[in-house]
Amino acid sequence: FHESCDTEEIKKFYKMCKDLSNKKKFKLPGSESIMIDLIKNSNKKSYIQFKLFLGKDKNKIVCGAIIAKCMERIHYIWGSSLREYSKYGVSESLQWHIIKYSKQLGSAIYDLEGINKKLNSGGYNFKKRFGGDEIYLEGIRFYPINFFGKIIYLIINITMFIKLKINNQKKTFSWNIKIYSKNENTLFYYYFP
């Protein structure tokens, strides 16, 4: 595995992510230009830095992940792999590489971001393979303090209700998974909205 800020490799990784989102029928957040911008303009002195890690078979990119380092936390932003390489555990190996990298930086928290067992069982199962305890996160609460706030609160609730009905979904919840690595005695924290 290696870190890359090469524009052509970022473009290939974006295409891999886009192909996966089309196949699994989910909207890929961001764009190729955003990925390139985040990686190319990441400043080591900034509080937030973006890194692209790639796994290759010879010169062919077979998996990759973009992470954001935000102070002492590492956040998993985008990831993808070629399906024909899944049987070799390339994505799992890449995640462990990122965890080791995080530990070298002194980070104790690795946030793998969202899971939903019903809407994305593949992503759910992938992230659960790393172990951990699920902790329910309640999410955002609104406390209107005046009449105008109550109107905004009502509009938000009606909008969310309509959106859920249109998508035929039930409200999903946020989850935390805390990972205690038995081998390295390190706490890794995965937040799943």
N, C-alpha and C. Protein backbone atom coordinates (compact mmCIF):
# COMPACT_ATOMS: atom_id res chain seq x y z
N PHE A 1 0.85 -1.17 0.00
CA PHE A 1 0.00 0.00 0.00
C PHE A 1 0.88 1.23 0.00
N HIS A 2 0.41 2.28 -0.64
CA HIS A 2 1.17 3.52 -0.63
C HIS A 2 0.23 4.72 -0.65
N GLU A 3 0.77 5.83 -0.18
CA GLU A 3 0.05 7.10 -0.21
C GLU A 3 0.31 7.75 -1.56
N SER A 4 -0.72 8.38 -2.13
CA SER A 4 -0.57 8.99 -3.44
C SER A 4 -1.22 10.36 -3.48
N CYS A 5 -0.57 11.27 -4.21
CA CYS A 5 -1.20 12.56 -4.53
C CYS A 5 -1.08 12.81 -6.03
N ASP A 6 -0.86 11.72 -6.78
CA ASP A 6 -0.75 11.79 -8.24
C ASP A 6 -2.14 12.00 -8.85
N THR A 7 -2.29 13.01 -9.68
CA THR A 7 -3.59 13.36 -10.26
C THR A 7 -4.19 12.20 -11.03
N GLU A 8 -3.40 11.50 -11.83
CA GLU A 8 -3.94 10.37 -12.62
C GLU A 8 -4.42 9.24 -11.72
N GLU A 9 -3.71 8.98 -10.63
CA GLU A 9 -4.15 7.93 -9.69
C GLU A 9 -5.42 8.36 -8.96
N ILE A 10 -5.53 9.62 -8.62
CA ILE A 10 -6.76 10.12 -7.98
C ILE A 10 -7.94 9.95 -8.94
N LYS A 11 -7.73 10.26 -10.22
CA LYS A 11 -8.79 10.11 -11.22
C LYS A 11 -9.21 8.64 -11.36
N LYS A 12 -8.24 7.74 -11.37
CA LYS A 12 -8.56 6.30 -11.46
C LYS A 12 -9.33 5.83 -10.22
N PHE A 13 -8.91 6.33 -9.06
CA PHE A 13 -9.62 5.97 -7.83
C PHE A 13 -11.05 6.52 -7.86
N TYR A 14 -11.21 7.76 -8.32
CA TYR A 14 -12.56 8.33 -8.42
C TYR A 14 -13.44 7.48 -9.33
N LYS A 15 -12.90 7.05 -10.47
CA LYS A 15 -13.66 6.21 -11.39
C LYS A 15 -14.06 4.90 -10.73
N MET A 16 -13.16 4.33 -9.93
CA MET A 16 -13.47 3.10 -9.20
C MET A 16 -14.64 3.35 -8.23
N CYS A 17 -14.60 4.47 -7.52
CA CYS A 17 -15.68 4.83 -6.59
C CYS A 17 -16.99 5.06 -7.34
N LYS A 18 -16.92 5.76 -8.45
CA LYS A 18 -18.12 6.06 -9.26
C LYS A 18 -18.73 4.78 -9.81
N ASP A 19 -17.89 3.87 -10.31
CA ASP A 19 -18.40 2.59 -10.83
C ASP A 19 -19.10 1.80 -9.73
N LEU A 20 -18.52 1.80 -8.52
CA LEU A 20 -19.13 1.10 -7.40
C LEU A 20 -20.47 1.73 -7.02
N SER A 21 -20.52 3.06 -7.00
CA SER A 21 -21.79 3.73 -6.63
C SER A 21 -22.87 3.45 -7.67
N ASN A 22 -22.50 3.39 -8.94
CA ASN A 22 -23.48 3.06 -9.98
C ASN A 22 -23.96 1.62 -9.84
N LYS A 23 -23.04 0.71 -9.58
CA LYS A 23 -23.40 -0.71 -9.44
C LYS A 23 -24.31 -0.93 -8.24
N LYS A 24 -23.99 -0.28 -7.11
CA LYS A 24 -24.77 -0.46 -5.87
C LYS A 24 -25.92 0.53 -5.76
N LYS A 25 -26.05 1.42 -6.75
CA LYS A 25 -27.15 2.38 -6.81
C LYS A 25 -27.21 3.31 -5.60
N PHE A 26 -26.07 3.92 -5.29
CA PHE A 26 -26.07 4.98 -4.29
C PHE A 26 -25.37 6.20 -4.88
N LYS A 27 -25.69 7.36 -4.33
CA LYS A 27 -25.11 8.60 -4.83
C LYS A 27 -23.74 8.78 -4.20
N LEU A 28 -22.73 8.93 -5.04
CA LEU A 28 -21.37 9.18 -4.56
C LEU A 28 -21.26 10.67 -4.20
N PRO A 29 -21.01 10.97 -2.93
CA PRO A 29 -20.87 12.38 -2.58
C PRO A 29 -19.56 12.93 -3.13
N GLY A 30 -19.58 14.16 -3.54
CA GLY A 30 -18.38 14.77 -4.06
C GLY A 30 -18.21 14.56 -5.55
N SER A 31 -17.04 14.90 -6.02
CA SER A 31 -16.75 14.79 -7.45
C SER A 31 -15.26 14.53 -7.63
N GLU A 32 -14.88 14.24 -8.86
CA GLU A 32 -13.47 14.03 -9.17
C GLU A 32 -12.65 15.27 -8.82
N SER A 33 -13.17 16.44 -9.18
CA SER A 33 -12.42 17.68 -8.91
C SER A 33 -12.28 17.93 -7.41
N ILE A 34 -13.30 17.58 -6.63
CA ILE A 34 -13.20 17.76 -5.17
C ILE A 34 -12.13 16.82 -4.61
N MET A 35 -12.14 15.55 -5.07
CA MET A 35 -11.11 14.61 -4.59
C MET A 35 -9.71 15.12 -4.91
N ILE A 36 -9.52 15.55 -6.13
CA ILE A 36 -8.21 16.06 -6.55
C ILE A 36 -7.81 17.26 -5.69
N ASP A 37 -8.75 18.18 -5.52
CA ASP A 37 -8.49 19.38 -4.74
C ASP A 37 -8.12 19.06 -3.29
N LEU A 38 -8.87 18.16 -2.67
CA LEU A 38 -8.61 17.82 -1.26
C LEU A 38 -7.23 17.19 -1.09
N ILE A 39 -6.89 16.27 -1.99
CA ILE A 39 -5.60 15.57 -1.87
C ILE A 39 -4.44 16.49 -2.24
N LYS A 40 -4.56 17.18 -3.35
CA LYS A 40 -3.45 18.01 -3.85
C LYS A 40 -3.18 19.22 -2.95
N ASN A 41 -4.22 19.75 -2.33
CA ASN A 41 -4.07 20.98 -1.54
C ASN A 41 -4.02 20.75 -0.04
N SER A 42 -3.86 19.50 0.36
CA SER A 42 -3.79 19.19 1.78
C SER A 42 -2.49 19.74 2.35
N ASN A 43 -2.61 20.51 3.41
CA ASN A 43 -1.47 21.17 4.03
C ASN A 43 -1.12 20.47 5.33
N LYS A 44 0.12 20.03 5.47
CA LYS A 44 0.54 19.30 6.67
C LYS A 44 0.44 20.13 7.94
N LYS A 45 0.40 21.45 7.80
CA LYS A 45 0.29 22.32 8.98
C LYS A 45 -1.17 22.60 9.34
N SER A 46 -2.09 22.18 8.49
CA SER A 46 -3.51 22.43 8.72
C SER A 46 -4.06 21.47 9.77
N TYR A 47 -5.18 21.85 10.38
CA TYR A 47 -5.85 20.95 11.33
C TYR A 47 -6.48 19.75 10.61
N ILE A 48 -6.79 19.93 9.35
CA ILE A 48 -7.40 18.83 8.57
C ILE A 48 -6.52 18.55 7.36
N GLN A 49 -6.14 17.29 7.22
CA GLN A 49 -5.33 16.85 6.09
C GLN A 49 -6.01 15.65 5.44
N PHE A 50 -5.95 15.59 4.12
CA PHE A 50 -6.55 14.49 3.37
C PHE A 50 -5.45 13.65 2.73
N LYS A 51 -5.64 12.33 2.78
CA LYS A 51 -4.66 11.40 2.22
C LYS A 51 -5.39 10.35 1.41
N LEU A 52 -4.77 9.94 0.30
CA LEU A 52 -5.27 8.83 -0.50
C LEU A 52 -4.30 7.67 -0.36
N PHE A 53 -4.81 6.53 0.08
CA PHE A 53 -4.02 5.31 0.16
C PHE A 53 -4.52 4.35 -0.91
N LEU A 54 -3.58 3.74 -1.63
CA LEU A 54 -3.93 2.82 -2.70
C LEU A 54 -3.24 1.48 -2.52
N GLY A 55 -3.95 0.43 -2.95
CA GLY A 55 -3.36 -0.89 -3.05
C GLY A 55 -3.31 -1.27 -4.51
N LYS A 56 -2.19 -1.85 -4.93
CA LYS A 56 -2.02 -2.18 -6.34
C LYS A 56 -1.62 -3.64 -6.51
N ASP A 57 -1.99 -4.18 -7.64
CA ASP A 57 -1.50 -5.46 -8.12
C ASP A 57 -0.70 -5.12 -9.37
N LYS A 58 0.60 -5.21 -9.26
CA LYS A 58 1.52 -4.71 -10.30
C LYS A 58 1.25 -3.21 -10.44
N ASN A 59 0.78 -2.70 -11.56
CA ASN A 59 0.49 -1.27 -11.70
C ASN A 59 -1.00 -0.97 -11.69
N LYS A 60 -1.82 -1.96 -11.43
CA LYS A 60 -3.28 -1.80 -11.44
C LYS A 60 -3.79 -1.47 -10.04
N ILE A 61 -4.52 -0.36 -9.92
CA ILE A 61 -5.13 0.00 -8.63
C ILE A 61 -6.27 -0.96 -8.36
N VAL A 62 -6.22 -1.65 -7.22
CA VAL A 62 -7.25 -2.64 -6.88
C VAL A 62 -8.10 -2.20 -5.69
N CYS A 63 -7.60 -1.25 -4.90
CA CYS A 63 -8.38 -0.71 -3.78
C CYS A 63 -7.80 0.63 -3.38
N GLY A 64 -8.61 1.39 -2.69
CA GLY A 64 -8.15 2.69 -2.23
C GLY A 64 -9.07 3.27 -1.18
N ALA A 65 -8.56 4.24 -0.46
CA ALA A 65 -9.35 4.93 0.55
C ALA A 65 -8.81 6.34 0.73
N ILE A 66 -9.71 7.27 0.86
CA ILE A 66 -9.34 8.64 1.23
C ILE A 66 -9.73 8.84 2.68
N ILE A 67 -8.76 9.32 3.45
CA ILE A 67 -9.01 9.60 4.85
C ILE A 67 -8.75 11.07 5.12
N ALA A 68 -9.35 11.56 6.18
CA ALA A 68 -9.09 12.92 6.64
C ALA A 68 -8.53 12.82 8.05
N LYS A 69 -7.41 13.47 8.28
CA LYS A 69 -6.85 13.55 9.62
C LYS A 69 -7.29 14.89 10.18
N CYS A 70 -8.06 14.83 11.23
CA CYS A 70 -8.56 16.04 11.87
C CYS A 70 -8.08 16.04 13.31
N MET A 71 -7.00 16.76 13.54
CA MET A 71 -6.33 16.81 14.83
C MET A 71 -5.93 15.38 15.23
N GLU A 72 -6.54 14.79 16.23
CA GLU A 72 -6.13 13.45 16.67
C GLU A 72 -7.05 12.35 16.16
N ARG A 73 -7.95 12.68 15.27
CA ARG A 73 -8.88 11.68 14.73
C ARG A 73 -8.60 11.46 13.25
N ILE A 74 -8.86 10.23 12.82
CA ILE A 74 -8.78 9.88 11.41
C ILE A 74 -10.19 9.53 10.96
N HIS A 75 -10.63 10.09 9.84
CA HIS A 75 -11.97 9.85 9.31
C HIS A 75 -11.87 9.19 7.94
N TYR A 76 -12.61 8.11 7.77
CA TYR A 76 -12.70 7.41 6.48
C TYR A 76 -13.71 8.16 5.63
N ILE A 77 -13.29 8.72 4.50
CA ILE A 77 -14.16 9.55 3.68
C ILE A 77 -14.71 8.78 2.49
N TRP A 78 -13.85 8.21 1.66
CA TRP A 78 -14.26 7.43 0.50
C TRP A 78 -13.43 6.16 0.44
N GLY A 79 -14.00 5.10 -0.09
CA GLY A 79 -13.25 3.86 -0.28
C GLY A 79 -13.90 3.01 -1.36
N SER A 80 -13.07 2.22 -2.03
CA SER A 80 -13.57 1.33 -3.07
C SER A 80 -12.53 0.27 -3.36
N SER A 81 -12.98 -0.81 -3.97
CA SER A 81 -12.06 -1.84 -4.44
C SER A 81 -12.68 -2.52 -5.65
N LEU A 82 -11.85 -3.18 -6.41
CA LEU A 82 -12.34 -3.96 -7.54
C LEU A 82 -12.93 -5.26 -7.01
N ARG A 83 -14.13 -5.58 -7.43
CA ARG A 83 -14.84 -6.76 -6.93
C ARG A 83 -14.03 -8.05 -7.11
N GLU A 84 -13.31 -8.17 -8.23
CA GLU A 84 -12.57 -9.40 -8.47
C GLU A 84 -11.40 -9.60 -7.49
N TYR A 85 -11.05 -8.57 -6.74
CA TYR A 85 -9.98 -8.68 -5.75
C TYR A 85 -10.52 -8.81 -4.32
N SER A 86 -11.83 -8.76 -4.16
CA SER A 86 -12.43 -8.84 -2.83
C SER A 86 -12.08 -10.14 -2.12
N LYS A 87 -12.01 -11.22 -2.87
CA LYS A 87 -11.72 -12.53 -2.26
C LYS A 87 -10.33 -12.58 -1.62
N TYR A 88 -9.47 -11.64 -1.96
CA TYR A 88 -8.13 -11.58 -1.38
C TYR A 88 -8.07 -10.68 -0.14
N GLY A 89 -9.18 -10.07 0.23
CA GLY A 89 -9.23 -9.22 1.42
C GLY A 89 -8.45 -7.92 1.28
N VAL A 90 -8.41 -7.36 0.05
CA VAL A 90 -7.62 -6.15 -0.16
C VAL A 90 -8.15 -4.95 0.62
N SER A 91 -9.48 -4.83 0.72
CA SER A 91 -10.05 -3.68 1.45
C SER A 91 -9.78 -3.80 2.94
N GLU A 92 -9.90 -4.99 3.48
CA GLU A 92 -9.61 -5.20 4.90
C GLU A 92 -8.14 -4.91 5.19
N SER A 93 -7.27 -5.41 4.32
CA SER A 93 -5.84 -5.16 4.51
C SER A 93 -5.53 -3.67 4.45
N LEU A 94 -6.17 -2.97 3.53
CA LEU A 94 -5.96 -1.53 3.42
C LEU A 94 -6.41 -0.82 4.70
N GLN A 95 -7.55 -1.23 5.25
CA GLN A 95 -8.03 -0.61 6.49
C GLN A 95 -7.03 -0.84 7.63
N TRP A 96 -6.48 -2.05 7.72
CA TRP A 96 -5.49 -2.31 8.78
C TRP A 96 -4.23 -1.48 8.54
N HIS A 97 -3.86 -1.27 7.29
CA HIS A 97 -2.72 -0.41 6.97
C HIS A 97 -3.00 1.02 7.47
N ILE A 98 -4.22 1.50 7.23
CA ILE A 98 -4.59 2.85 7.68
C ILE A 98 -4.60 2.93 9.21
N ILE A 99 -5.05 1.87 9.86
CA ILE A 99 -5.05 1.85 11.33
C ILE A 99 -3.61 1.93 11.85
N LYS A 100 -2.70 1.17 11.25
CA LYS A 100 -1.28 1.25 11.65
C LYS A 100 -0.72 2.64 11.40
N TYR A 101 -1.06 3.22 10.24
CA TYR A 101 -0.63 4.58 9.91
C TYR A 101 -1.15 5.55 10.97
N SER A 102 -2.42 5.39 11.36
CA SER A 102 -3.04 6.26 12.36
C SER A 102 -2.30 6.17 13.68
N LYS A 103 -1.95 4.97 14.05
CA LYS A 103 -1.23 4.77 15.31
C LYS A 103 0.14 5.44 15.27
N GLN A 104 0.82 5.35 14.12
CA GLN A 104 2.13 6.00 13.98
C GLN A 104 2.02 7.51 14.14
N LEU A 105 0.88 8.07 13.74
CA LEU A 105 0.67 9.52 13.88
C LEU A 105 0.28 9.91 15.31
N GLY A 106 0.01 8.91 16.13
CA GLY A 106 -0.43 9.18 17.48
C GLY A 106 -1.93 9.29 17.61
N SER A 107 -2.66 8.95 16.56
CA SER A 107 -4.13 9.00 16.60
C SER A 107 -4.66 7.77 17.34
N ALA A 108 -5.67 7.98 18.14
CA ALA A 108 -6.28 6.88 18.87
C ALA A 108 -7.68 6.59 18.34
N ILE A 109 -8.18 7.45 17.45
CA ILE A 109 -9.56 7.32 16.99
C ILE A 109 -9.59 7.25 15.47
N TYR A 110 -10.26 6.21 14.96
CA TYR A 110 -10.46 6.06 13.52
C TYR A 110 -11.96 5.93 13.28
N ASP A 111 -12.51 6.90 12.62
CA ASP A 111 -13.95 7.01 12.39
C ASP A 111 -14.27 6.49 10.99
N LEU A 112 -14.90 5.30 10.91
CA LEU A 112 -15.20 4.69 9.62
C LEU A 112 -16.46 5.25 8.97
N GLU A 113 -17.17 6.11 9.64
CA GLU A 113 -18.37 6.75 9.10
C GLU A 113 -19.47 5.73 8.82
N GLY A 114 -20.64 6.19 8.47
CA GLY A 114 -21.92 5.54 8.34
C GLY A 114 -22.05 4.05 8.11
N ILE A 115 -22.99 3.43 8.84
CA ILE A 115 -23.42 2.07 8.54
C ILE A 115 -24.93 2.00 8.65
N ASN A 116 -25.53 1.16 7.84
CA ASN A 116 -26.96 0.93 7.90
C ASN A 116 -27.20 -0.50 7.42
N LYS A 117 -27.59 -1.35 8.33
CA LYS A 117 -27.75 -2.79 8.03
C LYS A 117 -28.80 -3.03 6.95
N LYS A 118 -29.86 -2.24 6.95
CA LYS A 118 -30.94 -2.46 5.98
C LYS A 118 -30.62 -1.87 4.61
N LEU A 119 -30.07 -0.67 4.58
CA LEU A 119 -29.85 0.01 3.31
C LEU A 119 -28.52 -0.35 2.66
N ASN A 120 -27.54 -0.80 3.45
CA ASN A 120 -26.24 -1.15 2.89
C ASN A 120 -25.63 -2.28 3.72
N SER A 121 -26.16 -3.48 3.54
CA SER A 121 -25.69 -4.60 4.34
C SER A 121 -24.23 -4.94 4.05
N GLY A 122 -23.77 -4.70 2.82
CA GLY A 122 -22.36 -4.97 2.49
C GLY A 122 -21.42 -4.08 3.27
N GLY A 123 -21.71 -2.78 3.29
CA GLY A 123 -20.89 -1.84 4.06
C GLY A 123 -20.97 -2.12 5.55
N TYR A 124 -22.16 -2.47 6.00
CA TYR A 124 -22.36 -2.81 7.41
C TYR A 124 -21.50 -4.01 7.80
N ASN A 125 -21.59 -5.08 7.01
CA ASN A 125 -20.83 -6.30 7.32
C ASN A 125 -19.33 -6.06 7.24
N PHE A 126 -18.90 -5.28 6.24
CA PHE A 126 -17.47 -4.97 6.11
C PHE A 126 -16.95 -4.29 7.37
N LYS A 127 -17.64 -3.27 7.83
CA LYS A 127 -17.17 -2.51 8.98
C LYS A 127 -17.30 -3.29 10.28
N LYS A 128 -18.31 -4.13 10.38
CA LYS A 128 -18.50 -4.94 11.59
C LYS A 128 -17.41 -6.00 11.74
N ARG A 129 -16.79 -6.41 10.62
CA ARG A 129 -15.72 -7.43 10.70
C ARG A 129 -14.54 -6.97 11.55
N PHE A 130 -14.43 -5.67 11.79
CA PHE A 130 -13.34 -5.16 12.60
C PHE A 130 -13.64 -5.27 14.09
N GLY A 131 -14.84 -5.74 14.44
CA GLY A 131 -15.21 -5.92 15.84
C GLY A 131 -15.74 -4.63 16.45
N GLY A 132 -15.93 -4.64 17.75
CA GLY A 132 -16.32 -3.43 18.45
C GLY A 132 -17.68 -3.51 19.09
N ASP A 133 -18.02 -2.48 19.82
CA ASP A 133 -19.30 -2.35 20.51
C ASP A 133 -20.10 -1.25 19.83
N GLU A 134 -21.37 -1.53 19.56
CA GLU A 134 -22.23 -0.49 18.99
C GLU A 134 -22.80 0.36 20.10
N ILE A 135 -22.77 1.66 19.90
CA ILE A 135 -23.32 2.60 20.86
C ILE A 135 -24.28 3.52 20.11
N TYR A 136 -25.51 3.57 20.55
CA TYR A 136 -26.53 4.38 19.89
C TYR A 136 -26.23 5.87 20.06
N LEU A 137 -26.28 6.61 18.95
CA LEU A 137 -26.18 8.06 18.98
C LEU A 137 -27.52 8.64 18.57
N GLU A 138 -28.02 9.53 19.35
CA GLU A 138 -29.35 10.05 19.09
C GLU A 138 -29.41 11.02 17.92
N GLY A 139 -28.37 11.72 17.64
CA GLY A 139 -28.40 12.67 16.52
C GLY A 139 -28.75 14.07 16.96
N ILE A 140 -29.24 14.85 16.03
CA ILE A 140 -29.51 16.27 16.26
C ILE A 140 -30.88 16.45 16.91
N ARG A 141 -30.96 17.34 17.86
CA ARG A 141 -32.23 17.73 18.48
C ARG A 141 -32.42 19.22 18.27
N PHE A 142 -33.66 19.59 18.02
CA PHE A 142 -34.00 20.99 17.85
C PHE A 142 -34.78 21.45 19.07
N TYR A 143 -34.45 22.62 19.59
CA TYR A 143 -35.17 23.20 20.70
C TYR A 143 -35.57 24.63 20.29
N PRO A 144 -36.75 24.76 19.68
CA PRO A 144 -37.17 26.09 19.28
C PRO A 144 -37.39 26.99 20.51
N ILE A 145 -36.88 28.20 20.43
CA ILE A 145 -36.99 29.09 21.59
C ILE A 145 -37.96 30.25 21.37
N ASN A 146 -38.47 30.36 20.13
CA ASN A 146 -39.47 31.41 19.87
C ASN A 146 -40.40 30.93 18.76
N PHE A 147 -41.35 31.76 18.39
CA PHE A 147 -42.35 31.38 17.39
C PHE A 147 -41.69 31.07 16.05
N PHE A 148 -40.73 31.87 15.62
CA PHE A 148 -40.03 31.65 14.36
C PHE A 148 -39.30 30.30 14.39
N GLY A 149 -38.66 29.98 15.51
CA GLY A 149 -37.97 28.70 15.66
C GLY A 149 -38.95 27.54 15.57
N LYS A 150 -40.17 27.71 16.13
CA LYS A 150 -41.19 26.65 16.06
C LYS A 150 -41.64 26.41 14.62
N ILE A 151 -41.73 27.46 13.83
CA ILE A 151 -42.11 27.32 12.42
C ILE A 151 -41.01 26.57 11.66
N ILE A 152 -39.76 26.94 11.89
CA ILE A 152 -38.65 26.24 11.23
C ILE A 152 -38.63 24.78 11.64
N TYR A 153 -38.83 24.51 12.93
CA TYR A 153 -38.87 23.15 13.45
C TYR A 153 -39.97 22.34 12.76
N LEU A 154 -41.13 22.91 12.60
CA LEU A 154 -42.25 22.24 11.93
C LEU A 154 -41.92 21.96 10.46
N ILE A 155 -41.35 22.93 9.78
CA ILE A 155 -40.98 22.75 8.36
C ILE A 155 -39.95 21.63 8.22
N ILE A 156 -38.95 21.60 9.08
CA ILE A 156 -37.92 20.55 9.03
C ILE A 156 -38.56 19.17 9.24
N ASN A 157 -39.44 19.05 10.24
CA ASN A 157 -40.08 17.76 10.51
C ASN A 157 -40.97 17.31 9.36
N ILE A 158 -41.71 18.22 8.77
CA ILE A 158 -42.57 17.87 7.64
C ILE A 158 -41.72 17.45 6.45
N THR A 159 -40.65 18.19 6.18
CA THR A 159 -39.74 17.86 5.08
C THR A 159 -39.12 16.48 5.27
N MET A 160 -38.65 16.20 6.48
CA MET A 160 -38.05 14.88 6.76
C MET A 160 -39.08 13.77 6.61
N PHE A 161 -40.30 14.01 7.10
CA PHE A 161 -41.36 13.01 7.01
C PHE A 161 -41.68 12.70 5.54
N ILE A 162 -41.82 13.74 4.73
CA ILE A 162 -42.12 13.55 3.30
C ILE A 162 -40.98 12.81 2.61
N LYS A 163 -39.75 13.21 2.90
CA LYS A 163 -38.59 12.56 2.28
C LYS A 163 -38.54 11.07 2.63
N LEU A 164 -38.78 10.75 3.89
CA LEU A 164 -38.78 9.34 4.30
C LEU A 164 -39.91 8.57 3.63
N LYS A 165 -41.08 9.18 3.50
CA LYS A 165 -42.20 8.50 2.84
C LYS A 165 -41.93 8.28 1.36
N ILE A 166 -41.36 9.29 0.71
CA ILE A 166 -41.03 9.17 -0.72
C ILE A 166 -40.03 8.04 -0.93
N ASN A 167 -39.02 7.98 -0.06
CA ASN A 167 -38.00 6.94 -0.19
C ASN A 167 -38.42 5.62 0.45
N ASN A 168 -39.62 5.59 1.04
CA ASN A 168 -40.15 4.40 1.69
C ASN A 168 -39.17 3.86 2.73
N GLN A 169 -38.65 4.75 3.56
CA GLN A 169 -37.68 4.37 4.57
C GLN A 169 -38.19 4.71 5.95
N LYS A 170 -37.67 3.98 6.91
CA LYS A 170 -37.87 4.34 8.30
C LYS A 170 -36.68 5.17 8.73
N LYS A 171 -36.86 5.90 9.79
CA LYS A 171 -35.77 6.73 10.29
C LYS A 171 -34.59 5.83 10.66
N THR A 172 -33.41 6.21 10.22
CA THR A 172 -32.22 5.44 10.58
C THR A 172 -31.51 6.13 11.73
N PHE A 173 -30.75 5.37 12.45
CA PHE A 173 -30.09 5.90 13.63
C PHE A 173 -28.59 5.92 13.43
N SER A 174 -27.92 6.67 14.26
CA SER A 174 -26.47 6.74 14.24
C SER A 174 -25.90 5.74 15.24
N TRP A 175 -24.74 5.22 14.93
CA TRP A 175 -24.10 4.23 15.79
C TRP A 175 -22.63 4.56 15.95
N ASN A 176 -22.11 4.17 17.09
CA ASN A 176 -20.67 4.22 17.34
C ASN A 176 -20.19 2.79 17.45
N ILE A 177 -19.02 2.55 17.00
CA ILE A 177 -18.37 1.28 17.31
C ILE A 177 -17.01 1.63 17.86
N LYS A 178 -16.71 1.15 19.04
CA LYS A 178 -15.39 1.35 19.61
C LYS A 178 -14.62 0.06 19.43
N ILE A 179 -13.43 0.17 18.92
CA ILE A 179 -12.60 -0.99 18.65
C ILE A 179 -11.42 -0.98 19.60
N TYR A 180 -11.26 -2.03 20.35
CA TYR A 180 -10.09 -2.20 21.18
C TYR A 180 -9.23 -3.25 20.50
N SER A 181 -8.14 -2.85 19.92
CA SER A 181 -7.26 -3.78 19.22
C SER A 181 -6.53 -4.63 20.25
N LYS A 182 -6.78 -5.93 20.24
CA LYS A 182 -6.14 -6.83 21.19
C LYS A 182 -4.64 -6.88 20.96
N ASN A 183 -4.23 -6.74 19.70
CA ASN A 183 -2.81 -6.84 19.37
C ASN A 183 -2.03 -5.60 19.75
N GLU A 184 -2.64 -4.45 19.63
CA GLU A 184 -1.89 -3.21 19.81
C GLU A 184 -2.40 -2.37 20.97
N ASN A 185 -3.39 -2.87 21.70
CA ASN A 185 -3.91 -2.21 22.89
C ASN A 185 -4.27 -0.75 22.62
N THR A 186 -4.95 -0.50 21.50
CA THR A 186 -5.31 0.85 21.09
C THR A 186 -6.81 0.94 20.90
N LEU A 187 -7.38 2.05 21.27
CA LEU A 187 -8.80 2.28 21.07
C LEU A 187 -9.02 2.90 19.70
N PHE A 188 -9.88 2.30 18.91
CA PHE A 188 -10.28 2.88 17.63
C PHE A 188 -11.77 3.12 17.70
N TYR A 189 -12.20 4.26 17.27
CA TYR A 189 -13.58 4.69 17.39
C TYR A 189 -14.16 4.84 16.00
N TYR A 190 -15.27 4.17 15.76
CA TYR A 190 -15.93 4.25 14.46
C TYR A 190 -17.28 4.88 14.68
N TYR A 191 -17.55 6.00 14.03
CA TYR A 191 -18.83 6.68 14.15
C TYR A 191 -19.64 6.39 12.92
N PHE A 192 -20.88 5.92 13.11
CA PHE A 192 -21.73 5.55 12.00
C PHE A 192 -23.05 6.31 12.05
N PRO A 193 -23.18 7.38 11.24
CA PRO A 193 -24.47 8.09 11.24
C PRO A 193 -25.53 7.36 10.44
